[in-house]
Protein backbone atom coordinates (compact mmCIF):
# COMPACT_ATOMS: atom_id res chain seq x y z
CA GLY A 1 -17.43 -23.81 26.56
CA SER A 2 -17.17 -20.61 24.56
CA ALA A 3 -19.97 -18.98 26.55
CA MET A 4 -18.22 -19.84 29.81
CA LEU A 5 -14.96 -18.45 28.44
CA MET A 6 -16.66 -15.18 27.50
CA SER A 7 -18.35 -14.95 30.88
CA SER A 8 -15.03 -15.47 32.68
CA ALA A 9 -13.27 -12.99 30.41
CA ARG A 10 -15.96 -10.37 30.90
CA GLY A 11 -15.83 -10.68 34.69
CA ALA A 12 -12.03 -10.55 34.75
CA LEU A 13 -12.00 -7.60 32.36
CA ARG A 14 -14.49 -5.62 34.41
CA ALA A 15 -12.57 -6.29 37.62
CA ALA A 16 -9.24 -5.28 36.07
CA LEU A 17 -10.66 -2.12 34.50
CA MET A 18 -11.77 -0.88 37.91
CA GLU A 19 -8.10 -0.44 38.84
CA ASN A 20 -5.80 2.28 37.56
CA ILE A 21 -3.64 0.04 35.36
CA ASN A 22 -2.69 0.14 31.70
CA ALA A 23 -4.15 -2.02 28.93
CA ALA A 24 -1.20 -4.42 28.92
CA GLU A 25 -1.62 -5.19 32.62
CA VAL A 26 -5.37 -5.61 32.12
CA LEU A 27 -4.73 -8.24 29.43
CA SER A 28 -2.15 -9.97 31.64
CA ARG A 29 -4.72 -10.26 34.43
CA VAL A 30 -7.49 -11.49 32.15
CA ASN A 31 -5.06 -14.00 30.65
CA ARG A 32 -4.23 -15.39 34.11
CA VAL A 33 -7.91 -15.90 34.89
CA LEU A 34 -8.59 -17.65 31.58
CA GLU A 35 -5.47 -19.80 31.70
CA GLN A 36 -6.15 -20.89 35.28
CA ALA A 37 -9.69 -21.91 34.31
CA GLY A 38 -8.02 -24.76 32.43
CA SER A 39 -10.71 -25.03 29.76
CA GLY A 40 -8.21 -25.35 26.93
CA LEU A 41 -10.04 -22.55 25.15
CA PHE A 42 -8.55 -19.23 24.13
CA MET A 43 -9.71 -15.87 22.85
CA THR A 44 -8.31 -12.78 21.20
CA MET A 45 -8.76 -9.27 22.56
CA THR A 46 -7.49 -5.77 21.91
CA LEU A 47 -7.82 -2.89 24.35
CA MET A 48 -7.15 0.51 22.80
CA ARG A 49 -7.31 4.05 24.08
CA LEU A 50 -7.65 6.73 21.40
CA ASN A 51 -6.96 10.40 21.95
CA ILE A 52 -8.55 11.94 18.89
CA GLU A 53 -7.42 15.49 19.69
CA ALA A 54 -3.78 14.47 20.14
CA GLY A 55 -3.89 11.95 17.27
CA THR A 56 -2.59 9.10 19.42
CA ALA A 57 -3.50 5.53 20.28
CA VAL A 58 -2.16 3.19 22.94
CA TRP A 59 -3.13 -0.47 22.89
CA ALA A 60 -2.40 -3.99 24.01
CA SER A 61 -3.49 -7.01 22.03
CA GLY A 62 -3.70 -10.69 22.71
CA GLY A 63 -3.76 -12.44 19.35
CA HIS A 64 -6.17 -10.05 17.69
CA ASP A 65 -5.75 -8.87 14.12
CA PRO A 66 -4.38 -5.32 13.99
CA ALA A 67 -6.57 -2.27 13.71
CA ILE A 68 -6.62 -0.91 10.16
CA VAL A 69 -6.25 2.80 9.47
CA TYR A 70 -7.42 4.37 6.21
CA ASP A 71 -6.20 7.82 5.18
CA PRO A 72 -8.55 9.20 2.50
CA ARG A 73 -6.06 11.99 1.69
CA THR A 74 -3.46 9.50 0.46
CA ASP A 75 -5.88 6.65 -0.29
CA LYS A 76 -3.65 4.31 1.75
CA PHE A 77 -4.34 1.68 4.38
CA ARG A 78 -2.00 0.60 7.15
CA ASP A 79 -2.11 -1.72 10.12
CA LEU A 80 -1.49 -0.72 13.73
CA ASP A 81 0.72 -3.72 14.44
CA GLY A 82 1.57 -5.06 17.85
CA ALA A 83 0.20 -8.13 19.59
CA GLU A 84 1.10 -11.07 21.76
CA PRO A 85 -0.47 -14.56 21.67
CA PRO A 86 -4.19 -15.05 22.39
CA LEU A 87 -5.48 -15.00 25.94
CA GLY A 88 -5.74 -18.23 27.90
CA ILE A 89 -2.81 -20.09 26.36
CA ILE A 90 0.45 -19.05 28.04
CA PRO A 91 0.58 -18.85 31.84
CA ASP A 92 1.96 -15.58 33.21
CA MET A 93 2.14 -14.02 29.74
CA VAL A 94 3.36 -10.43 29.93
CA PHE A 95 1.59 -8.23 27.41
CA ASN A 96 3.15 -5.10 25.94
CA LEU A 97 1.82 -1.64 25.21
CA TYR A 98 2.02 -0.35 21.64
CA SER A 99 1.40 3.17 20.44
CA ALA A 100 0.90 5.38 17.41
CA THR A 101 1.36 9.14 17.52
CA ASP A 102 0.47 10.05 13.92
CA LEU A 103 -3.29 9.55 13.85
CA HIS A 104 -4.35 13.04 12.83
CA GLY A 105 -7.60 13.11 10.89
CA PRO A 106 -9.25 12.78 8.66
CA LEU A 107 -8.72 9.03 9.19
CA ILE A 108 -10.90 5.98 9.56
CA LEU A 109 -9.88 3.35 12.07
CA MET A 110 -11.42 -0.10 11.94
CA ILE A 111 -10.88 -3.10 14.14
CA GLY A 112 -12.75 -6.32 13.66
CA THR A 113 -12.81 -10.05 14.14
CA ASP A 114 -11.59 -12.46 11.51
CA GLY A 115 -15.19 -13.59 11.08
CA ILE A 116 -15.55 -10.65 8.70
CA TRP A 117 -12.90 -11.49 6.11
CA GLU A 118 -13.23 -15.24 6.67
CA SER A 119 -16.99 -15.17 5.97
CA ARG A 120 -17.83 -17.46 3.08
CA ASN A 121 -20.53 -17.34 0.47
CA GLU A 122 -22.47 -20.30 -0.93
CA ALA A 123 -19.58 -21.01 -3.33
CA THR A 124 -17.24 -21.15 -0.25
CA GLU A 125 -15.35 -18.04 -1.40
CA PHE A 126 -13.91 -15.82 1.36
CA TYR A 127 -15.17 -12.26 1.81
CA GLY A 128 -11.58 -11.09 2.30
CA LYS A 129 -9.91 -8.05 3.81
CA GLU A 130 -9.58 -6.42 0.40
CA ARG A 131 -13.35 -6.34 -0.07
CA MET A 132 -13.81 -4.94 3.43
CA MET A 133 -11.22 -2.23 2.80
CA GLU A 134 -12.88 -1.34 -0.50
CA ILE A 135 -16.15 -0.75 1.39
CA VAL A 136 -14.29 1.62 3.72
CA ARG A 137 -12.62 3.39 0.79
CA LYS A 138 -15.81 3.87 -1.22
CA ASN A 139 -17.74 5.12 1.81
CA ALA A 140 -15.08 7.22 3.53
CA HIS A 141 -17.19 10.36 3.07
CA LYS A 142 -19.97 8.87 5.22
CA THR A 143 -20.30 8.69 9.01
CA ALA A 144 -18.77 5.77 10.92
CA LYS A 145 -22.25 4.35 11.50
CA GLN A 146 -23.12 4.60 7.81
CA ILE A 147 -19.87 2.85 6.85
CA GLY A 148 -20.70 0.10 9.35
CA ASP A 149 -24.21 -0.24 7.95
CA VAL A 150 -22.87 -0.59 4.39
CA LEU A 151 -20.29 -3.16 5.52
CA GLU A 152 -22.92 -5.18 7.38
CA ALA A 153 -25.31 -5.13 4.41
CA ASP A 154 -22.52 -6.15 2.03
CA LEU A 155 -21.51 -9.05 4.29
CA ILE A 156 -25.10 -10.29 4.44
CA SER A 157 -25.51 -9.99 0.68
CA PHE A 158 -22.17 -11.72 0.01
CA ARG A 159 -22.92 -14.61 2.37
CA GLY A 160 -26.34 -15.32 0.92
CA LYS A 161 -27.70 -18.52 2.46
CA ALA A 162 -24.29 -19.77 3.59
CA PRO A 163 -24.10 -20.39 7.34
CA ILE A 164 -22.37 -17.98 9.72
CA LEU A 165 -19.31 -19.88 10.97
CA ASP A 166 -17.69 -17.30 13.24
CA ASP A 167 -18.55 -14.12 15.09
CA VAL A 168 -18.62 -10.93 13.03
CA THR A 169 -17.79 -7.96 15.18
CA PHE A 170 -16.26 -4.62 14.24
CA VAL A 171 -15.80 -1.06 15.41
CA ILE A 172 -15.33 1.87 13.06
CA VAL A 173 -14.03 5.22 14.32
CA LYS A 174 -13.92 8.26 12.09
CA MET A 175 -11.30 10.77 13.21
CA LEU A 176 -11.91 14.20 11.75
C-alpha cells in the first residue's frame, strides 16, 4: 500500500510541477489525487523554495515536521513553522503558503522525516531531535554533505542492531 501511495504521489507531484503554480496549489492537487485513491493511507510532504541570495524561503507543508534552522553566530535553533494536515486525509484541503525573509547566512537549514528522531536503539531509547541538533551544532563548520555524513553515521551507530522502523530521510542546506 505504501509503495502504491508513493507512486501515486510522485506522478501527481510531477504533473503538478509542470504547471506554473505555487507550492500550496501543488500540495492541494497531490492531496486530491491521494484522497480520491481511497486507500486510507496518508503521507507528509513539504515543498520549499529557497532564495539563498535574498535570504528567503517560501513553502507549503502537509503534515511534515518543520524545517529547522541553526544560526552558528547565536548558537540558536528555530523552526520554520507552518503546515496543514497530511496529504490524503481531507478532501479538497486548501494548503497555505508560508514564508521567512530573515534567512541570511551563515545558517544551516535541515528538514527531515520523523524516522530520524524516532529511531530507537537496542534499549528502545529514541534518538531524539536534541541529539540530531547537537550533531548539526558540533559540525556547523563542515560542508552540508559532511554534516549529513556525520548524522548518518551517528544514527547507524546509535541504532546498533535494532531494526529500522521508519524511513530516515533528510536534506541539509548550508547558507553562507
